[in-house]
């Protein structure tokens, strides 16, 4: 029995046969799906070593299948080659560079196919941000960011008003004994440091929001 399974999801028989014939001999089994729904069932039921996914498919589009795969922390680890005769159809949904999967334009030859598979396997090993479980609470606590469920694609930004940050020294009410220059200087340094940390958190949150929105498009 083959130890590796390669799934080719394409509504054109010629393409599926072409991929099968171009693959070098090896200890693997090629599975074929003629539409997105059949392909997704294979993905959910089989232990796959590679997915080759056409972008335009009947019943369920390649884009929809792609979203389903990317929303699952285990499925998205499978090396993926996205195929299309028109690259602009892909880039309308997914911006370049394609960081975690490889794109293969149609028509293609054996060298291009093998190269795409190798790159897909390399990219699949890259570290990726952890998916946020649906229903997770939104909080910014002790510098740790927890976002809301992925299905909502919303992430709460830290509110400066609610952050335990001192107000400007010029607006602070002095104590009975007054504040020394050293104390004021130290306070100013803390304010600058905390503001930098808040700016850093905002930047991280922006990146998380952008990542989630891209995956849900």
Protein backbone atom coordinates (compact mmCIF):
# COMPACT_ATOMS: atom_id res chain seq x y z
CA UNK A 1 0.00 0.00 0.00
CA UNK A 2 1.26 3.48 -0.89
CA UNK A 3 2.51 5.42 2.10
CA UNK A 4 1.87 8.83 0.49
CA UNK A 5 -1.35 10.09 -1.07
CA UNK A 6 -1.52 12.95 -3.55
CA UNK A 7 -4.93 14.48 -4.22
CA UNK A 8 -5.55 16.18 -7.58
CA UNK A 9 -8.74 18.29 -7.59
CA UNK A 10 -9.58 19.44 -11.11
CA UNK A 11 -12.76 19.33 -13.20
CA UNK A 12 -10.77 18.54 -16.35
CA UNK A 13 -9.93 14.88 -16.86
CA UNK A 14 -6.97 15.77 -19.09
CA UNK A 15 -5.32 17.76 -16.29
CA UNK A 16 -5.82 15.01 -13.72
CA UNK A 17 -4.37 12.39 -16.08
CA UNK A 18 -1.53 14.74 -17.03
CA UNK A 19 -0.52 15.22 -13.39
CA UNK A 20 -0.65 11.48 -12.75
CA UNK A 21 1.56 10.72 -15.77
CA UNK A 22 4.07 13.49 -15.01
CA UNK A 23 4.67 12.44 -11.42
CA UNK A 24 7.86 10.39 -11.09
CA UNK A 25 7.50 6.75 -9.99
CA UNK A 26 7.36 6.48 -6.22
CA UNK A 27 5.67 5.04 -3.20
CA UNK A 28 2.50 7.12 -3.49
CA UNK A 29 -1.11 6.91 -4.58
CA UNK A 30 -2.84 9.54 -6.72
CA UNK A 31 -6.44 10.35 -5.79
CA UNK A 32 -8.65 12.32 -8.18
CA UNK A 33 -11.60 14.62 -7.54
CA UNK A 34 -13.63 16.29 -10.30
CA UNK A 35 -15.20 19.05 -8.20
CA UNK A 36 -14.56 21.01 -5.03
CA UNK A 37 -17.07 19.16 -2.89
CA UNK A 38 -15.64 15.75 -3.77
CA UNK A 39 -12.16 17.12 -3.20
CA UNK A 40 -13.03 18.48 0.24
CA UNK A 41 -14.45 15.09 1.24
CA UNK A 42 -11.16 13.45 0.27
CA UNK A 43 -9.24 16.08 2.27
CA UNK A 44 -11.35 15.41 5.36
CA UNK A 45 -11.26 11.63 5.07
CA UNK A 46 -7.79 10.80 3.77
CA UNK A 47 -4.32 11.32 5.22
CA UNK A 48 -2.77 13.34 2.39
CA UNK A 49 0.83 14.22 1.62
CA UNK A 50 -0.03 16.83 -1.03
CA UNK A 51 -3.07 18.65 -2.42
CA UNK A 52 -3.19 19.98 -5.99
CA UNK A 53 -6.20 22.28 -6.20
CA UNK A 54 -7.71 23.94 -9.26
CA UNK A 55 -9.02 27.42 -8.42
CA UNK A 56 -12.20 27.25 -10.52
CA UNK A 57 -14.33 24.19 -9.78
CA UNK A 58 -18.01 23.18 -9.91
CA UNK A 59 -20.17 22.58 -6.81
CA UNK A 60 -17.56 24.19 -4.54
CA UNK A 61 -14.89 26.52 -5.91
CA UNK A 62 -11.19 26.03 -5.30
CA UNK A 63 -11.28 29.30 -3.35
CA UNK A 64 -13.91 27.88 -0.99
CA UNK A 65 -11.95 24.66 -0.55
CA UNK A 66 -8.82 26.72 0.11
CA UNK A 67 -10.63 28.67 2.85
CA UNK A 68 -11.88 25.47 4.49
CA UNK A 69 -8.36 24.03 4.51
CA UNK A 70 -6.75 27.19 5.87
CA UNK A 71 -9.32 27.41 8.67
CA UNK A 72 -8.26 24.03 10.05
CA UNK A 73 -4.96 23.96 12.01
CA UNK A 74 -4.18 20.40 10.85
CA UNK A 75 -5.34 20.56 7.24
CA UNK A 76 -3.39 23.72 6.50
CA UNK A 77 -0.17 21.86 7.27
CA UNK A 78 -0.65 19.75 4.12
CA UNK A 79 1.54 20.98 1.22
CA UNK A 80 -0.69 22.75 -1.31
CA UNK A 81 -0.30 23.59 -4.99
CA UNK A 82 -2.99 25.96 -6.28
CA UNK A 83 -3.57 25.69 -10.06
CA UNK A 84 -5.19 28.10 -12.51
CA UNK A 85 -4.99 29.15 -16.13
CA UNK A 86 -5.40 32.77 -15.04
CA UNK A 87 -3.23 33.87 -12.18
CA UNK A 88 -5.16 37.13 -11.76
CA UNK A 89 -8.17 35.11 -10.57
CA UNK A 90 -6.04 33.88 -7.68
CA UNK A 91 -4.39 37.20 -6.86
CA UNK A 92 -7.81 38.87 -6.68
CA UNK A 93 -8.49 36.70 -3.62
CA UNK A 94 -4.99 36.00 -2.29
CA UNK A 95 -2.26 38.61 -2.47
CA UNK A 96 1.30 37.75 -3.44
CA UNK A 97 3.80 36.62 -2.38
CA UNK A 98 2.19 33.23 -1.78
CA UNK A 99 3.84 32.44 1.52
CA UNK A 100 2.42 29.05 2.54
CA UNK A 101 1.43 27.43 -0.76
CA UNK A 102 2.74 27.31 -4.31
CA UNK A 103 0.98 28.49 -7.48
CA UNK A 104 1.15 26.52 -10.74
CA UNK A 105 -0.06 28.19 -13.92
CA UNK A 106 -1.78 26.21 -16.65
CA UNK A 107 -0.62 24.80 -19.00
CA UNK A 108 2.47 23.37 -17.31
CA UNK A 109 5.18 20.86 -18.11
CA UNK A 110 6.73 18.16 -15.94
CA UNK A 111 9.60 20.35 -14.76
CA UNK A 112 7.21 23.10 -13.62
CA UNK A 113 5.00 20.54 -11.87
CA UNK A 114 7.87 18.93 -9.95
CA UNK A 115 9.28 22.34 -9.01
CA UNK A 116 5.88 23.52 -7.73
CA UNK A 117 5.49 20.39 -5.60
CA UNK A 118 8.97 20.84 -4.08
CA UNK A 119 8.27 24.50 -3.26
CA UNK A 120 4.87 23.65 -1.77
CA UNK A 121 6.47 21.09 0.53
CA UNK A 122 9.10 23.60 1.61
CA UNK A 123 6.54 26.34 2.28
CA UNK A 124 4.30 23.98 4.25
CA UNK A 125 7.10 23.61 6.82
CA UNK A 126 7.34 27.35 7.49
CA UNK A 127 6.16 28.48 10.95
CA UNK A 128 2.72 30.05 10.85
CA UNK A 129 0.67 32.14 13.29
CA UNK A 130 -1.56 29.98 15.45
CA UNK A 131 -5.26 30.00 14.57
CA UNK A 132 -7.48 31.63 17.18
CA UNK A 133 -10.23 29.28 18.44
CA UNK A 134 -13.75 30.50 17.69
CA UNK A 135 -15.32 32.26 20.65
CA UNK A 136 -12.03 33.15 22.26
CA UNK A 137 -12.25 36.22 24.44
CA UNK A 138 -10.68 39.43 23.32
CA UNK A 139 -8.17 40.82 25.73
CA UNK A 140 -4.87 42.57 25.97
CA UNK A 141 -3.31 41.58 29.23
CA UNK A 142 0.29 41.63 30.36
CA UNK A 143 1.38 42.18 26.77
CA UNK A 144 -0.44 39.05 25.52
CA UNK A 145 -2.94 39.50 22.69
CA UNK A 146 -6.03 37.29 22.56
CA UNK A 147 -8.34 37.87 19.60
CA UNK A 148 -11.98 37.13 19.05
CA UNK A 149 -13.20 34.15 16.98
CA UNK A 150 -11.79 33.89 13.48
CA UNK A 151 -15.30 33.75 12.07
CA UNK A 152 -15.88 37.38 12.99
CA UNK A 153 -12.49 38.59 11.78
CA UNK A 154 -12.49 41.29 14.41
CA UNK A 155 -9.71 42.05 16.83
CA UNK A 156 -10.05 44.60 19.57
CA UNK A 157 -7.26 47.15 19.63
CA UNK A 158 -5.90 48.21 22.98
CA UNK A 159 -7.51 51.36 24.26
CA UNK A 160 -5.00 53.92 25.42
CA UNK A 161 -7.68 55.43 27.64
CA UNK A 162 -8.05 52.13 29.50
CA UNK A 163 -4.33 51.48 29.78
CA UNK A 164 -2.72 52.13 33.16
CA UNK A 165 -0.56 54.86 31.70
CA UNK A 166 0.11 58.07 33.64
CA UNK A 167 -1.17 61.28 32.13
CA UNK A 168 1.28 63.92 30.96
CA UNK A 169 3.43 65.29 33.77
CA UNK A 170 2.29 68.79 33.00
CA UNK A 171 -1.30 67.80 33.78
CA UNK A 172 -0.52 65.71 36.86
CA UNK A 173 -1.55 67.01 40.25
CA UNK A 174 1.59 67.44 42.41
CA UNK A 175 1.75 65.82 45.80
CA UNK A 176 1.79 67.90 48.96
CA UNK A 177 5.57 67.79 49.10
CA UNK A 178 5.99 68.37 45.34
CA UNK A 179 7.88 66.09 42.92
CA UNK A 180 11.60 66.32 42.46
CA UNK A 181 13.23 66.71 39.04
CA UNK A 182 14.52 63.14 39.29
CA UNK A 183 11.02 61.79 39.95
CA UNK A 184 9.58 63.78 37.06
CA UNK A 185 12.35 62.55 34.76
CA UNK A 186 11.79 58.94 35.82
CA UNK A 187 8.04 59.31 35.25
CA UNK A 188 8.61 60.75 31.79
CA UNK A 189 10.84 57.80 30.91
CA UNK A 190 8.12 55.38 32.03
CA UNK A 191 5.56 57.19 29.90
CA UNK A 192 7.78 57.00 26.82
CA UNK A 193 8.47 53.31 27.43
CA UNK A 194 4.81 52.46 27.95
CA UNK A 195 3.79 54.42 24.86
CA UNK A 196 6.35 52.45 22.82
CA UNK A 197 4.92 49.18 24.17
CA UNK A 198 1.38 50.28 23.27
CA UNK A 199 2.48 51.24 19.76
CA UNK A 200 4.09 47.82 19.44
CA UNK A 201 0.86 46.11 20.52
CA UNK A 202 -1.14 48.14 18.02
CA UNK A 203 1.24 47.10 15.24
CA UNK A 204 0.92 43.43 16.21
CA UNK A 205 -2.86 43.69 16.29
CA UNK A 206 -2.90 45.32 12.85
CA UNK A 207 -0.86 42.39 11.49
CA UNK A 208 -3.23 39.87 13.10
CA UNK A 209 -6.30 41.64 11.69
CA UNK A 210 -4.74 41.79 8.20
CA UNK A 211 -3.82 38.08 8.35
CA UNK A 212 -7.31 37.01 9.44
CA UNK A 213 -9.06 39.18 6.84
CA UNK A 214 -6.87 37.76 4.07
CA UNK A 215 -7.76 34.22 5.13
CA UNK A 216 -11.49 34.99 5.24
CA UNK A 217 -11.74 36.76 1.88
